[in-house]
């Protein structure tokens, strides 16, 4: 039976803080996936900046669908649904 203060335990005890620091550093800035952008956001009123970041871009996050839903522009009402 190994005593809890044996040489092996004392030596291994020093690896734990180093391993913990490495794990924390690895999770600080995880890589973000880059999506291709398309078009631009036309800002007709600066009030849009309250809900859409000034640096926002329209990103293509998926392709290859036969059918999908998305925004619908109604010309007569000048509205986006």
PDB file of N, CA and C in Angstrom:
ATOM      1  N   UNK A   1       0.841  -1.176   0.000  1.00  0.00           N
ATOM      2  CA  UNK A   1       0.000   0.000   0.000  1.00  0.00           C
ATOM      3  C   UNK A   1       0.890   1.245   0.000  1.00  0.00           C
ATOM      4  N   UNK A   2       0.527   2.207  -0.798  1.00  0.00           N
ATOM      5  CA  UNK A   2       1.334   3.408  -0.941  1.00  0.00           C
ATOM      6  C   UNK A   2       0.834   4.478   0.026  1.00  0.00           C
ATOM      7  N   UNK A   3       1.757   5.095   0.721  1.00  0.00           N
ATOM      8  CA  UNK A   3       1.393   6.156   1.649  1.00  0.00           C
ATOM      9  C   UNK A   3       1.025   7.404   0.858  1.00  0.00           C
ATOM     10  N   UNK A   4       0.093   8.188   1.341  1.00  0.00           N
ATOM     11  CA  UNK A   4      -0.386   9.337   0.574  1.00  0.00           C
ATOM     12  C   UNK A   4       0.659  10.426   0.386  1.00  0.00           C
ATOM     13  N   UNK A   5       1.747  10.394   1.131  1.00  0.00           N
ATOM     14  CA  UNK A   5       2.803  11.393   0.971  1.00  0.00           C
ATOM     15  C   UNK A   5       4.060  10.792   0.367  1.00  0.00           C
ATOM     16  N   UNK A   6       3.911   9.748  -0.414  1.00  0.00           N
ATOM     17  CA  UNK A   6       5.074   9.113  -1.025  1.00  0.00           C
ATOM     18  C   UNK A   6       5.689  10.044  -2.064  1.00  0.00           C
ATOM     19  N   UNK A   7       6.897   9.721  -2.521  1.00  0.00           N
ATOM     20  CA  UNK A   7       7.590  10.539  -3.520  1.00  0.00           C
ATOM     21  C   UNK A   7       6.780  10.647  -4.807  1.00  0.00           C
ATOM     22  N   UNK A   8       6.160   9.563  -5.221  1.00  0.00           N
ATOM     23  CA  UNK A   8       5.381   9.564  -6.459  1.00  0.00           C
ATOM     24  C   UNK A   8       4.211  10.535  -6.361  1.00  0.00           C
ATOM     25  N   UNK A   9       3.484  10.504  -5.266  1.00  0.00           N
ATOM     26  CA  UNK A   9       2.348  11.407  -5.098  1.00  0.00           C
ATOM     27  C   UNK A   9       2.792  12.863  -5.044  1.00  0.00           C
ATOM     28  N   UNK A  10       3.896  13.138  -4.365  1.00  0.00           N
ATOM     29  CA  UNK A  10       4.378  14.519  -4.284  1.00  0.00           C
ATOM     30  C   UNK A  10       4.810  15.028  -5.652  1.00  0.00           C
ATOM     31  N   UNK A  11       5.439  14.182  -6.442  1.00  0.00           N
ATOM     32  CA  UNK A  11       5.893  14.579  -7.772  1.00  0.00           C
ATOM     33  C   UNK A  11       4.698  14.805  -8.700  1.00  0.00           C
ATOM     34  N   UNK A  12       3.723  13.927  -8.686  1.00  0.00           N
ATOM     35  CA  UNK A  12       2.552  14.043  -9.551  1.00  0.00           C
ATOM     36  C   UNK A  12       1.666  15.222  -9.160  1.00  0.00           C
ATOM     37  N   UNK A  13       1.715  15.601  -7.917  1.00  0.00           N
ATOM     38  CA  UNK A  13       0.899  16.708  -7.431  1.00  0.00           C
ATOM     39  C   UNK A  13       1.268  18.015  -8.140  1.00  0.00           C
ATOM     40  N   UNK A  14       2.482  18.149  -8.614  1.00  0.00           N
ATOM     41  CA  UNK A  14       2.929  19.364  -9.292  1.00  0.00           C
ATOM     42  C   UNK A  14       2.425  19.439 -10.731  1.00  0.00           C
ATOM     43  N   UNK A  15       2.024  18.327 -11.302  1.00  0.00           N
ATOM     44  CA  UNK A  15       1.520  18.326 -12.676  1.00  0.00           C
ATOM     45  C   UNK A  15       0.090  18.848 -12.769  1.00  0.00           C
ATOM     46  N   UNK A  16      -0.671  18.699 -11.707  1.00  0.00           N
ATOM     47  CA  UNK A  16      -2.075  19.102 -11.745  1.00  0.00           C
ATOM     48  C   UNK A  16      -2.259  20.591 -12.049  1.00  0.00           C
ATOM     49  N   UNK A  17      -1.593  21.513 -11.354  1.00  0.00           N
ATOM     50  CA  UNK A  17      -1.783  22.938 -11.688  1.00  0.00           C
ATOM     51  C   UNK A  17      -1.380  23.263 -13.127  1.00  0.00           C
ATOM     52  N   UNK A  18      -0.320  22.661 -13.614  1.00  0.00           N
ATOM     53  CA  UNK A  18       0.117  22.916 -14.990  1.00  0.00           C
ATOM     54  C   UNK A  18      -0.928  22.407 -15.980  1.00  0.00           C
ATOM     55  N   UNK A  19      -1.471  21.239 -15.729  1.00  0.00           N
ATOM     56  CA  UNK A  19      -2.501  20.691 -16.615  1.00  0.00           C
ATOM     57  C   UNK A  19      -3.754  21.556 -16.573  1.00  0.00           C
ATOM     58  N   UNK A  20      -4.107  22.047 -15.404  1.00  0.00           N
ATOM     59  CA  UNK A  20      -5.279  22.910 -15.265  1.00  0.00           C
ATOM     60  C   UNK A  20      -5.093  24.211 -16.042  1.00  0.00           C
ATOM     61  N   UNK A  21      -3.931  24.810 -15.959  1.00  0.00           N
ATOM     62  CA  UNK A  21      -3.643  26.044 -16.699  1.00  0.00           C
ATOM     63  C   UNK A  21      -3.732  25.793 -18.201  1.00  0.00           C
ATOM     64  N   UNK A  22      -3.189  24.687 -18.674  1.00  0.00           N
ATOM     65  CA  UNK A  22      -3.253  24.371 -20.106  1.00  0.00           C
ATOM     66  C   UNK A  22      -4.694  24.188 -20.574  1.00  0.00           C
ATOM     67  N   UNK A  23      -5.508  23.524 -19.777  1.00  0.00           N
ATOM     68  CA  UNK A  23      -6.915  23.347 -20.141  1.00  0.00           C
ATOM     69  C   UNK A  23      -7.648  24.681 -20.201  1.00  0.00           C
ATOM     70  N   UNK A  24      -7.386  25.547 -19.250  1.00  0.00           N
ATOM     71  CA  UNK A  24      -8.036  26.857 -19.243  1.00  0.00           C
ATOM     72  C   UNK A  24      -7.603  27.693 -20.441  1.00  0.00           C
ATOM     73  N   UNK A  25      -6.333  27.669 -20.770  1.00  0.00           N
ATOM     74  CA  UNK A  25      -5.842  28.434 -21.914  1.00  0.00           C
ATOM     75  C   UNK A  25      -6.406  27.907 -23.228  1.00  0.00           C
ATOM     76  N   UNK A  26      -6.602  26.625 -23.321  1.00  0.00           N
ATOM     77  CA  UNK A  26      -7.135  26.034 -24.547  1.00  0.00           C
ATOM     78  C   UNK A  26      -8.582  26.452 -24.787  1.00  0.00           C
ATOM     79  N   UNK A  27      -9.306  26.798 -23.734  1.00  0.00           N
ATOM     80  CA  UNK A  27     -10.717  27.155 -23.871  1.00  0.00           C
ATOM     81  C   UNK A  27     -10.976  28.654 -23.871  1.00  0.00           C
ATOM     82  N   UNK A  28      -9.952  29.466 -23.762  1.00  0.00           N
ATOM     83  CA  UNK A  28     -10.157  30.914 -23.714  1.00  0.00           C
ATOM     84  C   UNK A  28     -10.718  31.436 -25.026  1.00  0.00           C
ATOM     85  N   UNK A  29     -10.119  31.086 -26.133  1.00  0.00           N
ATOM     86  CA  UNK A  29     -10.547  31.609 -27.432  1.00  0.00           C
ATOM     87  C   UNK A  29     -10.732  30.465 -28.423  1.00  0.00           C
ATOM     88  N   UNK A  30     -11.871  29.770 -28.315  1.00  0.00           N
ATOM     89  CA  UNK A  30     -12.085  28.686 -29.274  1.00  0.00           C
ATOM     90  C   UNK A  30     -12.222  29.238 -30.692  1.00  0.00           C
ATOM     91  N   UNK A  31     -11.770  28.474 -31.641  1.00  0.00           N
ATOM     92  CA  UNK A  31     -11.836  28.905 -33.042  1.00  0.00           C
ATOM     93  C   UNK A  31     -13.290  29.036 -33.478  1.00  0.00           C
ATOM     94  N   UNK A  32     -13.593  30.106 -34.176  1.00  0.00           N
ATOM     95  CA  UNK A  32     -14.937  30.312 -34.687  1.00  0.00           C
ATOM     96  C   UNK A  32     -14.981  29.914 -36.149  1.00  0.00           C
ATOM     97  N   UNK A  33     -16.067  29.254 -36.514  1.00  0.00           N
ATOM     98  CA  UNK A  33     -16.216  28.832 -37.894  1.00  0.00           C
ATOM     99  C   UNK A  33     -16.467  30.057 -38.772  1.00  0.00           C
ATOM    100  N   UNK A  34     -15.782  30.126 -39.883  1.00  0.00           N
ATOM    101  CA  UNK A  34     -15.946  31.229 -40.825  1.00  0.00           C
ATOM    102  C   UNK A  34     -16.898  30.801 -41.934  1.00  0.00           C
ATOM    103  N   UNK A  35     -17.944  31.574 -42.136  1.00  0.00           N
ATOM    104  CA  UNK A  35     -18.902  31.307 -43.199  1.00  0.00           C
ATOM    105  C   UNK A  35     -18.693  32.317 -44.321  1.00  0.00           C
ATOM    106  N   UNK A  36     -18.936  31.918 -45.565  1.00  0.00           N
ATOM    107  CA  UNK A  36     -18.834  32.895 -46.656  1.00  0.00           C
ATOM    108  C   UNK A  36     -19.940  33.939 -46.518  1.00  0.00           C
ATOM    109  N   UNK A  37     -19.643  35.147 -46.928  1.00  0.00           N
ATOM    110  CA  UNK A  37     -20.645  36.211 -46.862  1.00  0.00           C
ATOM    111  C   UNK A  37     -21.212  36.459 -48.248  1.00  0.00           C
ATOM    112  N   UNK A  38     -22.395  37.047 -48.253  1.00  0.00           N
ATOM    113  CA  UNK A  38     -23.062  37.336 -49.514  1.00  0.00           C
ATOM    114  C   UNK A  38     -23.793  38.669 -49.365  1.00  0.00           C
ATOM    115  N   UNK A  39     -23.748  39.478 -50.384  1.00  0.00           N
ATOM    116  CA  UNK A  39     -24.480  40.739 -50.367  1.00  0.00           C
ATOM    117  C   UNK A  39     -24.006  41.691 -49.291  1.00  0.00           C
ATOM    118  N   UNK A  40     -24.913  42.534 -48.847  1.00  0.00           N
ATOM    119  CA  UNK A  40     -24.600  43.510 -47.808  1.00  0.00           C
ATOM    120  C   UNK A  40     -25.886  43.888 -47.084  1.00  0.00           C
ATOM    121  N   UNK A  41     -25.741  44.566 -45.966  1.00  0.00           N
ATOM    122  CA  UNK A  41     -26.894  45.044 -45.208  1.00  0.00           C
ATOM    123  C   UNK A  41     -27.011  46.538 -45.470  1.00  0.00           C
ATOM    124  N   UNK A  42     -28.094  46.927 -46.113  1.00  0.00           N
ATOM    125  CA  UNK A  42     -28.318  48.338 -46.412  1.00  0.00           C
ATOM    126  C   UNK A  42     -29.015  48.976 -45.221  1.00  0.00           C
ATOM    127  N   UNK A  43     -28.398  49.968 -44.647  1.00  0.00           N
ATOM    128  CA  UNK A  43     -28.924  50.631 -43.451  1.00  0.00           C
ATOM    129  C   UNK A  43     -29.567  51.951 -43.851  1.00  0.00           C
ATOM    130  N   UNK A  44     -30.889  51.941 -43.917  1.00  0.00           N
ATOM    131  CA  UNK A  44     -31.629  53.138 -44.300  1.00  0.00           C
ATOM    132  C   UNK A  44     -31.896  54.036 -43.100  1.00  0.00           C
ATOM    133  N   UNK A  45     -31.759  53.478 -41.904  1.00  0.00           N
ATOM    134  CA  UNK A  45     -31.983  54.238 -40.673  1.00  0.00           C
ATOM    135  C   UNK A  45     -30.983  53.734 -39.633  1.00  0.00           C
ATOM    136  N   UNK A  46     -30.320  54.643 -38.948  1.00  0.00           N
ATOM    137  CA  UNK A  46     -29.310  54.242 -37.963  1.00  0.00           C
ATOM    138  C   UNK A  46     -29.913  53.506 -36.770  1.00  0.00           C
ATOM    139  N   UNK A  47     -31.227  53.542 -36.607  1.00  0.00           N
ATOM    140  CA  UNK A  47     -31.880  52.822 -35.508  1.00  0.00           C
ATOM    141  C   UNK A  47     -31.669  51.313 -35.630  1.00  0.00           C
ATOM    142  N   UNK A  48     -31.398  50.840 -36.831  1.00  0.00           N
ATOM    143  CA  UNK A  48     -31.157  49.403 -37.026  1.00  0.00           C
ATOM    144  C   UNK A  48     -29.935  48.943 -36.236  1.00  0.00           C
ATOM    145  N   UNK A  49     -29.014  49.865 -35.961  1.00  0.00           N
ATOM    146  CA  UNK A  49     -27.801  49.512 -35.220  1.00  0.00           C
ATOM    147  C   UNK A  49     -28.097  49.060 -33.795  1.00  0.00           C
ATOM    148  N   UNK A  50     -29.291  49.365 -33.290  1.00  0.00           N
ATOM    149  CA  UNK A  50     -29.670  48.920 -31.948  1.00  0.00           C
ATOM    150  C   UNK A  50     -29.932  47.415 -31.915  1.00  0.00           C
ATOM    151  N   UNK A  51     -30.293  46.835 -33.059  1.00  0.00           N
ATOM    152  CA  UNK A  51     -30.589  45.398 -33.080  1.00  0.00           C
ATOM    153  C   UNK A  51     -29.686  44.601 -34.011  1.00  0.00           C
ATOM    154  N   UNK A  52     -29.016  45.279 -34.936  1.00  0.00           N
ATOM    155  CA  UNK A  52     -28.089  44.607 -35.845  1.00  0.00           C
ATOM    156  C   UNK A  52     -26.729  45.276 -35.691  1.00  0.00           C
ATOM    157  N   UNK A  53     -25.742  44.510 -35.309  1.00  0.00           N
ATOM    158  CA  UNK A  53     -24.398  45.038 -35.098  1.00  0.00           C
ATOM    159  C   UNK A  53     -23.903  45.771 -36.342  1.00  0.00           C
ATOM    160  N   UNK A  54     -23.260  46.931 -36.166  1.00  0.00           N
ATOM    161  CA  UNK A  54     -22.766  47.677 -37.323  1.00  0.00           C
ATOM    162  C   UNK A  54     -21.824  46.869 -38.223  1.00  0.00           C
ATOM    163  N   UNK A  55     -21.120  45.915 -37.681  1.00  0.00           N
ATOM    164  CA  UNK A  55     -20.203  45.106 -38.478  1.00  0.00           C
ATOM    165  C   UNK A  55     -20.812  43.810 -39.000  1.00  0.00           C
ATOM    166  N   UNK A  56     -22.120  43.636 -38.816  1.00  0.00           N
ATOM    167  CA  UNK A  56     -22.775  42.387 -39.217  1.00  0.00           C
ATOM    168  C   UNK A  56     -22.724  42.189 -40.725  1.00  0.00           C
ATOM    169  N   UNK A  57     -22.636  40.931 -41.131  1.00  0.00           N
ATOM    170  CA  UNK A  57     -22.628  40.572 -42.547  1.00  0.00           C
ATOM    171  C   UNK A  57     -23.615  39.433 -42.755  1.00  0.00           C
ATOM    172  N   UNK A  58     -24.184  39.358 -43.944  1.00  0.00           N
ATOM    173  CA  UNK A  58     -25.070  38.244 -44.290  1.00  0.00           C
ATOM    174  C   UNK A  58     -24.188  37.041 -44.612  1.00  0.00           C
ATOM    175  N   UNK A  59     -24.353  35.972 -43.857  1.00  0.00           N
ATOM    176  CA  UNK A  59     -23.515  34.790 -44.026  1.00  0.00           C
ATOM    177  C   UNK A  59     -24.309  33.626 -44.599  1.00  0.00           C
ATOM    178  N   UNK A  60     -23.668  32.866 -45.456  1.00  0.00           N
ATOM    179  CA  UNK A  60     -24.254  31.631 -45.984  1.00  0.00           C
ATOM    180  C   UNK A  60     -23.895  30.541 -44.984  1.00  0.00           C
ATOM    181  N   UNK A  61     -24.900  30.031 -44.264  1.00  0.00           N
ATOM    182  CA  UNK A  61     -24.616  29.021 -43.245  1.00  0.00           C
ATOM    183  C   UNK A  61     -24.976  27.609 -43.697  1.00  0.00           C
ATOM    184  N   UNK A  62     -25.683  27.495 -44.833  1.00  0.00           N
ATOM    185  CA  UNK A  62     -26.023  26.175 -45.367  1.00  0.00           C
ATOM    186  C   UNK A  62     -26.386  26.311 -46.841  1.00  0.00           C
ATOM    187  N   UNK A  63     -26.150  25.267 -47.599  1.00  0.00           N
ATOM    188  CA  UNK A  63     -26.501  25.240 -49.020  1.00  0.00           C
ATOM    189  C   UNK A  63     -26.994  23.842 -49.384  1.00  0.00           C
ATOM    190  N   UNK A  64     -27.505  23.714 -50.605  1.00  0.00           N
ATOM    191  CA  UNK A  64     -27.874  22.403 -51.112  1.00  0.00           C
ATOM    192  C   UNK A  64     -29.288  21.955 -50.809  1.00  0.00           C
ATOM    193  N   UNK A  65     -30.134  22.849 -50.340  1.00  0.00           N
ATOM    194  CA  UNK A  65     -31.511  22.468 -50.029  1.00  0.00           C
ATOM    195  C   UNK A  65     -32.367  22.513 -51.289  1.00  0.00           C
ATOM    196  N   UNK A  66     -33.301  21.584 -51.408  1.00  0.00           N
ATOM    197  CA  UNK A  66     -34.273  21.629 -52.496  1.00  0.00           C
ATOM    198  C   UNK A  66     -35.316  22.706 -52.222  1.00  0.00           C
ATOM    199  N   UNK A  67     -35.639  22.898 -50.942  1.00  0.00           N
ATOM    200  CA  UNK A  67     -36.629  23.895 -50.550  1.00  0.00           C
ATOM    201  C   UNK A  67     -36.326  24.334 -49.125  1.00  0.00           C
ATOM    202  N   UNK A  68     -36.487  25.601 -48.857  1.00  0.00           N
ATOM    203  CA  UNK A  68     -36.336  26.101 -47.490  1.00  0.00           C
ATOM    204  C   UNK A  68     -37.108  27.404 -47.343  1.00  0.00           C
ATOM    205  N   UNK A  69     -37.426  27.749 -46.114  1.00  0.00           N
ATOM    206  CA  UNK A  69     -38.135  28.991 -45.852  1.00  0.00           C
ATOM    207  C   UNK A  69     -37.134  30.103 -45.601  1.00  0.00           C
ATOM    208  N   UNK A  70     -37.582  31.303 -45.843  1.00  0.00           N
ATOM    209  CA  UNK A  70     -36.742  32.458 -45.595  1.00  0.00           C
ATOM    210  C   UNK A  70     -37.589  33.711 -45.585  1.00  0.00           C
ATOM    211  N   UNK A  71     -36.958  34.858 -45.525  1.00  0.00           N
ATOM    212  CA  UNK A  71     -37.730  36.098 -45.524  1.00  0.00           C
ATOM    213  C   UNK A  71     -38.470  36.291 -46.847  1.00  0.00           C
ATOM    214  N   UNK A  72     -39.589  36.973 -46.755  1.00  0.00           N
ATOM    215  CA  UNK A  72     -40.424  37.226 -47.926  1.00  0.00           C
ATOM    216  C   UNK A  72     -40.675  38.721 -48.032  1.00  0.00           C
ATOM    217  N   UNK A  73     -40.337  39.320 -49.169  1.00  0.00           N
ATOM    218  CA  UNK A  73     -40.562  40.741 -49.398  1.00  0.00           C
ATOM    219  C   UNK A  73     -41.906  40.923 -50.086  1.00  0.00           C
ATOM    220  N   UNK A  74     -42.780  41.722 -49.463  1.00  0.00           N
ATOM    221  CA  UNK A  74     -44.085  42.032 -50.049  1.00  0.00           C
ATOM    222  C   UNK A  74     -44.001  43.448 -50.596  1.00  0.00           C
ATOM    223  N   UNK A  75     -43.862  43.548 -51.901  1.00  0.00           N
ATOM    224  CA  UNK A  75     -43.625  44.830 -52.569  1.00  0.00           C
ATOM    225  C   UNK A  75     -44.743  45.832 -52.295  1.00  0.00           C
ATOM    226  N   UNK A  76     -45.996  45.396 -52.398  1.00  0.00           N
ATOM    227  CA  UNK A  76     -47.141  46.298 -52.239  1.00  0.00           C
ATOM    228  C   UNK A  76     -47.134  46.986 -50.871  1.00  0.00           C
ATOM    229  N   UNK A  77     -46.744  46.253 -49.837  1.00  0.00           N
ATOM    230  CA  UNK A  77     -46.726  46.807 -48.479  1.00  0.00           C
ATOM    231  C   UNK A  77     -45.335  47.293 -48.061  1.00  0.00           C
ATOM    232  N   UNK A  78     -44.358  47.085 -48.940  1.00  0.00           N
ATOM    233  CA  UNK A  78     -42.971  47.431 -48.609  1.00  0.00           C
ATOM    234  C   UNK A  78     -42.590  46.824 -47.253  1.00  0.00           C
ATOM    235  N   UNK A  79     -42.863  45.517 -47.130  1.00  0.00           N
ATOM    236  CA  UNK A  79     -42.655  44.845 -45.847  1.00  0.00           C
ATOM    237  C   UNK A  79     -41.871  43.552 -46.036  1.00  0.00           C
ATOM    238  N   UNK A  80     -41.084  43.244 -45.052  1.00  0.00           N
ATOM    239  CA  UNK A  80     -40.327  42.001 -45.025  1.00  0.00           C
ATOM    240  C   UNK A  80     -40.930  41.106 -43.958  1.00  0.00           C
ATOM    241  N   UNK A  81     -41.394  39.943 -44.366  1.00  0.00           N
ATOM    242  CA  UNK A  81     -41.974  38.984 -43.413  1.00  0.00           C
ATOM    243  C   UNK A  81     -41.014  37.844 -43.182  1.00  0.00           C
TER     244      UNK A  81
END
